[in-house]
Amino acid sequence: MALVLFLIILAIVLGIVGVVAHGLLHLLFIGIGVLIIAIVISAVRFRHGGRSPNR
């Protein structure tokens, strides 16, 4: 969960810097990519239901 939160915060920061800074629009697209990765990771964890592995 902490990884997903970190990725979302990173995506927001990259997006803001990409929009505000002139000539750094590529950071916006990197931020969008990081956000998509965070959504995929959280969807995979949610789909598994948080079950712990059997030992």
N, C-alpha and C. Protein backbone atom coordinates (compact mmCIF):
# COMPACT_ATOMS: atom_id res chain seq x y z
N MET A 1 0.82 -1.19 0.00
CA MET A 1 0.00 0.00 0.00
C MET A 1 0.86 1.26 0.00
N ALA A 2 1.98 1.20 0.71
CA ALA A 2 2.87 2.35 0.75
C ALA A 2 3.50 2.61 -0.61
N LEU A 3 3.78 1.54 -1.34
CA LEU A 3 4.34 1.70 -2.69
C LEU A 3 3.37 2.40 -3.61
N VAL A 4 2.11 2.03 -3.56
CA VAL A 4 1.10 2.66 -4.40
C VAL A 4 0.95 4.13 -4.04
N LEU A 5 0.93 4.44 -2.76
CA LEU A 5 0.82 5.83 -2.33
C LEU A 5 2.03 6.65 -2.78
N PHE A 6 3.21 6.07 -2.66
CA PHE A 6 4.42 6.76 -3.11
C PHE A 6 4.37 7.01 -4.62
N LEU A 7 3.92 6.04 -5.38
CA LEU A 7 3.83 6.21 -6.83
C LEU A 7 2.81 7.28 -7.22
N ILE A 8 1.70 7.34 -6.51
CA ILE A 8 0.69 8.35 -6.81
C ILE A 8 1.23 9.75 -6.49
N ILE A 9 1.90 9.90 -5.35
CA ILE A 9 2.49 11.20 -4.99
C ILE A 9 3.56 11.59 -6.01
N LEU A 10 4.38 10.64 -6.43
CA LEU A 10 5.40 10.89 -7.44
C LEU A 10 4.78 11.33 -8.76
N ALA A 11 3.68 10.69 -9.16
CA ALA A 11 3.01 11.06 -10.40
C ALA A 11 2.44 12.47 -10.32
N ILE A 12 1.89 12.83 -9.18
CA ILE A 12 1.34 14.19 -9.02
C ILE A 12 2.44 15.22 -9.09
N VAL A 13 3.56 14.97 -8.42
CA VAL A 13 4.68 15.91 -8.44
C VAL A 13 5.24 16.06 -9.85
N LEU A 14 5.45 14.94 -10.54
CA LEU A 14 5.97 15.01 -11.90
C LEU A 14 5.00 15.72 -12.83
N GLY A 15 3.71 15.50 -12.64
CA GLY A 15 2.72 16.17 -13.46
C GLY A 15 2.71 17.67 -13.25
N ILE A 16 2.80 18.09 -12.00
CA ILE A 16 2.80 19.53 -11.71
C ILE A 16 4.07 20.19 -12.26
N VAL A 17 5.21 19.55 -12.06
CA VAL A 17 6.45 20.11 -12.59
C VAL A 17 6.42 20.14 -14.11
N GLY A 18 5.87 19.11 -14.72
CA GLY A 18 5.78 19.06 -16.18
C GLY A 18 4.89 20.13 -16.76
N VAL A 19 3.84 20.50 -16.06
CA VAL A 19 2.93 21.53 -16.55
C VAL A 19 3.51 22.93 -16.29
N VAL A 20 4.09 23.13 -15.11
CA VAL A 20 4.54 24.46 -14.72
C VAL A 20 5.85 24.85 -15.42
N ALA A 21 6.81 23.95 -15.46
CA ALA A 21 8.13 24.28 -16.01
C ALA A 21 8.06 24.28 -17.53
N HIS A 22 8.60 25.32 -18.12
CA HIS A 22 8.59 25.46 -19.57
C HIS A 22 9.63 24.51 -20.18
N GLY A 23 9.20 23.71 -21.13
CA GLY A 23 10.10 22.79 -21.81
C GLY A 23 10.24 21.44 -21.15
N LEU A 24 9.51 21.20 -20.09
CA LEU A 24 9.60 19.90 -19.40
C LEU A 24 8.27 19.14 -19.49
N LEU A 25 7.65 19.23 -20.65
CA LEU A 25 6.37 18.56 -20.83
C LEU A 25 6.51 17.04 -20.77
N HIS A 26 7.70 16.54 -21.08
CA HIS A 26 7.90 15.09 -21.00
C HIS A 26 7.72 14.56 -19.58
N LEU A 27 7.95 15.40 -18.57
CA LEU A 27 7.72 14.96 -17.19
C LEU A 27 6.24 14.70 -16.93
N LEU A 28 5.37 15.46 -17.60
CA LEU A 28 3.94 15.22 -17.47
C LEU A 28 3.59 13.83 -17.97
N PHE A 29 4.16 13.45 -19.11
CA PHE A 29 3.86 12.13 -19.67
C PHE A 29 4.47 11.01 -18.83
N ILE A 30 5.62 11.25 -18.24
CA ILE A 30 6.21 10.27 -17.32
C ILE A 30 5.33 10.13 -16.08
N GLY A 31 4.81 11.26 -15.58
CA GLY A 31 3.90 11.22 -14.43
C GLY A 31 2.63 10.45 -14.73
N ILE A 32 2.10 10.62 -15.95
CA ILE A 32 0.90 9.87 -16.35
C ILE A 32 1.21 8.38 -16.40
N GLY A 33 2.39 8.04 -16.91
CA GLY A 33 2.80 6.63 -16.94
C GLY A 33 2.94 6.03 -15.55
N VAL A 34 3.52 6.78 -14.65
CA VAL A 34 3.67 6.31 -13.26
C VAL A 34 2.31 6.14 -12.60
N LEU A 35 1.38 7.05 -12.89
CA LEU A 35 0.03 6.94 -12.34
C LEU A 35 -0.67 5.69 -12.86
N ILE A 36 -0.51 5.39 -14.14
CA ILE A 36 -1.11 4.18 -14.71
C ILE A 36 -0.52 2.93 -14.05
N ILE A 37 0.79 2.92 -13.83
CA ILE A 37 1.43 1.78 -13.16
C ILE A 37 0.89 1.62 -11.74
N ALA A 38 0.71 2.72 -11.02
CA ALA A 38 0.17 2.65 -9.66
C ALA A 38 -1.25 2.11 -9.65
N ILE A 39 -2.06 2.51 -10.63
CA ILE A 39 -3.43 2.01 -10.72
C ILE A 39 -3.44 0.52 -11.02
N VAL A 40 -2.56 0.07 -11.90
CA VAL A 40 -2.49 -1.36 -12.22
C VAL A 40 -2.06 -2.17 -11.01
N ILE A 41 -1.06 -1.69 -10.28
CA ILE A 41 -0.60 -2.40 -9.08
C ILE A 41 -1.71 -2.49 -8.04
N SER A 42 -2.44 -1.39 -7.82
CA SER A 42 -3.51 -1.43 -6.83
C SER A 42 -4.67 -2.31 -7.30
N ALA A 43 -4.93 -2.36 -8.60
CA ALA A 43 -6.00 -3.22 -9.11
C ALA A 43 -5.64 -4.69 -8.94
N VAL A 44 -4.38 -5.03 -9.17
CA VAL A 44 -3.94 -6.42 -9.00
C VAL A 44 -4.03 -6.82 -7.54
N ARG A 45 -3.61 -5.94 -6.64
CA ARG A 45 -3.70 -6.26 -5.21
C ARG A 45 -5.16 -6.36 -4.75
N PHE A 46 -6.03 -5.51 -5.29
CA PHE A 46 -7.43 -5.55 -4.91
C PHE A 46 -8.10 -6.81 -5.44
N ARG A 47 -7.71 -7.24 -6.62
CA ARG A 47 -8.31 -8.42 -7.22
C ARG A 47 -7.98 -9.68 -6.42
N HIS A 48 -6.78 -9.73 -5.87
CA HIS A 48 -6.39 -10.90 -5.08
C HIS A 48 -7.05 -10.89 -3.70
N GLY A 49 -7.62 -9.83 -3.29
CA GLY A 49 -8.39 -9.78 -2.05
C GLY A 49 -7.55 -9.69 -0.79
N GLY A 50 -6.28 -9.48 -0.90
CA GLY A 50 -5.45 -9.34 0.28
C GLY A 50 -5.25 -10.62 1.05
N ARG A 51 -5.44 -11.75 0.39
CA ARG A 51 -5.24 -13.03 1.06
C ARG A 51 -3.76 -13.28 1.30
N SER A 52 -3.44 -13.80 2.45
CA SER A 52 -2.05 -14.16 2.71
C SER A 52 -1.77 -15.55 2.13
N PRO A 53 -0.56 -15.78 1.69
CA PRO A 53 -0.24 -17.10 1.10
C PRO A 53 -0.30 -18.21 2.14
N ASN A 54 -0.68 -19.39 1.69
CA ASN A 54 -0.75 -20.56 2.59
C ASN A 54 0.66 -21.06 2.85
N ARG A 55 0.90 -21.43 4.08
CA ARG A 55 2.22 -21.95 4.45
C ARG A 55 2.12 -23.36 4.92
